[in-house]
C-alpha atoms as a PDB file:
ATOM      1  CA  MET A   1      -9.327 -18.559   1.786  1.00  0.00           C
ATOM      2  CA  ASN A   2      -6.301 -18.638  -0.533  1.00  0.00           C
ATOM      3  CA  LYS A   3      -7.481 -21.901  -2.088  1.00  0.00           C
ATOM      4  CA  ILE A   4     -10.866 -20.367  -2.827  1.00  0.00           C
ATOM      5  CA  LEU A   5      -9.237 -17.268  -4.313  1.00  0.00           C
ATOM      6  CA  THR A   6      -7.001 -19.403  -6.514  1.00  0.00           C
ATOM      7  CA  LEU A   7      -9.936 -21.487  -7.704  1.00  0.00           C
ATOM      8  CA  ILE A   8     -11.968 -18.391  -8.519  1.00  0.00           C
ATOM      9  CA  MET A   9      -9.027 -16.862 -10.379  1.00  0.00           C
ATOM     10  CA  LEU A  10      -8.716 -19.978 -12.526  1.00  0.00           C
ATOM     11  CA  PHE A  11     -12.377 -19.797 -13.498  1.00  0.00           C
ATOM     12  CA  VAL A  12     -12.404 -16.052 -14.124  1.00  0.00           C
ATOM     13  CA  PHE A  13      -9.158 -16.019 -16.082  1.00  0.00           C
ATOM     14  CA  SER A  14      -9.945 -18.788 -18.537  1.00  0.00           C
ATOM     15  CA  SER A  15      -7.557 -18.783 -21.453  1.00  0.00           C
ATOM     16  CA  ALA A  16      -8.031 -17.880 -25.072  1.00  0.00           C
ATOM     17  CA  TYR A  17      -4.409 -18.816 -25.765  1.00  0.00           C
ATOM     18  CA  ALA A  18      -1.146 -18.971 -23.820  1.00  0.00           C
ATOM     19  CA  GLU A  19       1.936 -16.769 -24.009  1.00  0.00           C
ATOM     20  CA  SER A  20       5.221 -16.770 -22.157  1.00  0.00           C
ATOM     21  CA  ILE A  21       5.839 -14.015 -19.633  1.00  0.00           C
ATOM     22  CA  GLU A  22       9.088 -13.071 -21.418  1.00  0.00           C
ATOM     23  CA  THR A  23       7.248 -12.500 -24.702  1.00  0.00           C
ATOM     24  CA  LEU A  24       4.591 -10.389 -23.003  1.00  0.00           C
ATOM     25  CA  LEU A  25       7.169  -8.203 -21.240  1.00  0.00           C
ATOM     26  CA  GLU A  26       8.978  -7.684 -24.551  1.00  0.00           C
ATOM     27  CA  ASP A  27       5.644  -6.692 -26.143  1.00  0.00           C
ATOM     28  CA  GLY A  28       5.182  -3.861 -23.642  1.00  0.00           C
ATOM     29  CA  TYR A  29       3.074  -5.548 -20.963  1.00  0.00           C
ATOM     30  CA  GLU A  30       3.750  -4.479 -17.371  1.00  0.00           C
ATOM     31  CA  ILE A  31       3.388  -6.475 -14.159  1.00  0.00           C
ATOM     32  CA  LYS A  32       0.423  -4.800 -12.467  1.00  0.00           C
ATOM     33  CA  SER A  33      -0.014  -7.227  -9.575  1.00  0.00           C
ATOM     34  CA  ALA A  34       1.690 -10.213  -7.987  1.00  0.00           C
ATOM     35  CA  ALA A  35       0.661 -12.366  -5.050  1.00  0.00           C
ATOM     36  CA  THR A  36       1.819 -15.469  -3.264  1.00  0.00           C
ATOM     37  CA  VAL A  37      -0.297 -18.483  -2.410  1.00  0.00           C
ATOM     38  CA  ALA A  38       0.018 -20.288   0.933  1.00  0.00           C
ATOM     39  CA  ALA A  39       0.943 -23.532  -0.854  1.00  0.00           C
ATOM     40  CA  GLY A  40       4.145 -21.879  -2.107  1.00  0.00           C
ATOM     41  CA  GLY A  41       3.101 -20.738  -5.559  1.00  0.00           C
ATOM     42  CA  MET A  42       2.430 -17.268  -6.862  1.00  0.00           C
ATOM     43  CA  TYR A  43       0.756 -15.469  -9.729  1.00  0.00           C
ATOM     44  CA  PHE A  44       1.294 -12.324 -11.774  1.00  0.00           C
ATOM     45  CA  ILE A  45      -1.162 -10.074 -13.593  1.00  0.00           C
ATOM     46  CA  LEU A  46       0.329  -8.391 -16.672  1.00  0.00           C
ATOM     47  CA  GLN A  47      -1.464  -5.579 -18.459  1.00  0.00           C
ATOM     48  CA  ASN A  48      -1.026  -3.459 -21.576  1.00  0.00           C
ATOM     49  CA  GLY A  49      -3.875  -1.029 -22.124  1.00  0.00           C
ATOM     50  CA  ALA A  50      -7.176  -2.917 -21.975  1.00  0.00           C
ATOM     51  CA  LYS A  51      -5.556  -6.342 -22.464  1.00  0.00           C
ATOM     52  CA  ALA A  52      -4.397  -8.460 -19.527  1.00  0.00           C
ATOM     53  CA  TYR A  53      -2.844 -11.860 -18.811  1.00  0.00           C
ATOM     54  CA  PHE A  54      -2.876 -14.122 -15.746  1.00  0.00           C
ATOM     55  CA  CYS A  55       0.476 -15.899 -15.157  1.00  0.00           C
ATOM     56  CA  PRO A  56       0.559 -18.655 -12.511  1.00  0.00           C
ATOM     57  CA  ALA A  57       3.916 -19.857 -11.175  1.00  0.00           C
ATOM     58  CA  LEU A  58       4.918 -22.869  -9.114  1.00  0.00           C
ATOM     59  CA  ASP A  59       7.837 -20.805  -7.844  1.00  0.00           C
ATOM     60  CA  PRO A  60       9.457 -17.566  -9.104  1.00  0.00           C
ATOM     61  CA  SER A  61      11.847 -19.437 -11.411  1.00  0.00           C
ATOM     62  CA  LYS A  62       9.134 -21.559 -13.084  1.00  0.00           C
ATOM     63  CA  VAL A  63       6.449 -19.276 -14.486  1.00  0.00           C
ATOM     64  CA  MET A  64       3.910 -21.289 -16.440  1.00  0.00           C
ATOM     65  CA  LYS A  65       2.285 -20.075 -19.656  1.00  0.00           C
ATOM     66  CA  CYS A  66       0.232 -16.922 -19.235  1.00  0.00           C
ATOM     67  CA  ARG A  67      -3.460 -17.006 -20.067  1.00  0.00           C
ATOM     68  CA  LYS A  68      -5.304 -14.119 -21.670  1.00  0.00           C
ATOM     69  CA  VAL A  69      -8.002 -12.648 -19.479  1.00  0.00           C
ATOM     70  CA  LYS A  70     -11.370 -12.576 -21.186  1.00  0.00           C
ATOM     71  CA  ALA A  71     -13.012  -9.177 -21.160  1.00  0.00           C
ATOM     72  CA  GLY A  72     -16.765  -9.452 -20.697  1.00  0.00           C
ATOM     73  CA  LYS A  73     -18.781  -7.965 -23.568  1.00  0.00           C
ATOM     74  CA  ASN A  74     -16.263  -5.251 -24.458  1.00  0.00           C
ATOM     75  CA  GLU A  75     -13.948  -7.413 -26.569  1.00  0.00           C
END
């Protein structure tokens, strides 16, 4: 189930460009959600108003580049 969820998340949260989590937090984004994956990884969802980013991590100390979440027809 977790593998399917991770795969779906990767398709849904395709990137427009990547940012670092540190930069996003400095820009006023807040961590709205975080979850672990059975394989040992985790992900964070950061949000500021209507804009959001998906941030996968291999482990808590190695957060990869965050990907901007595409908003359907509203953006």
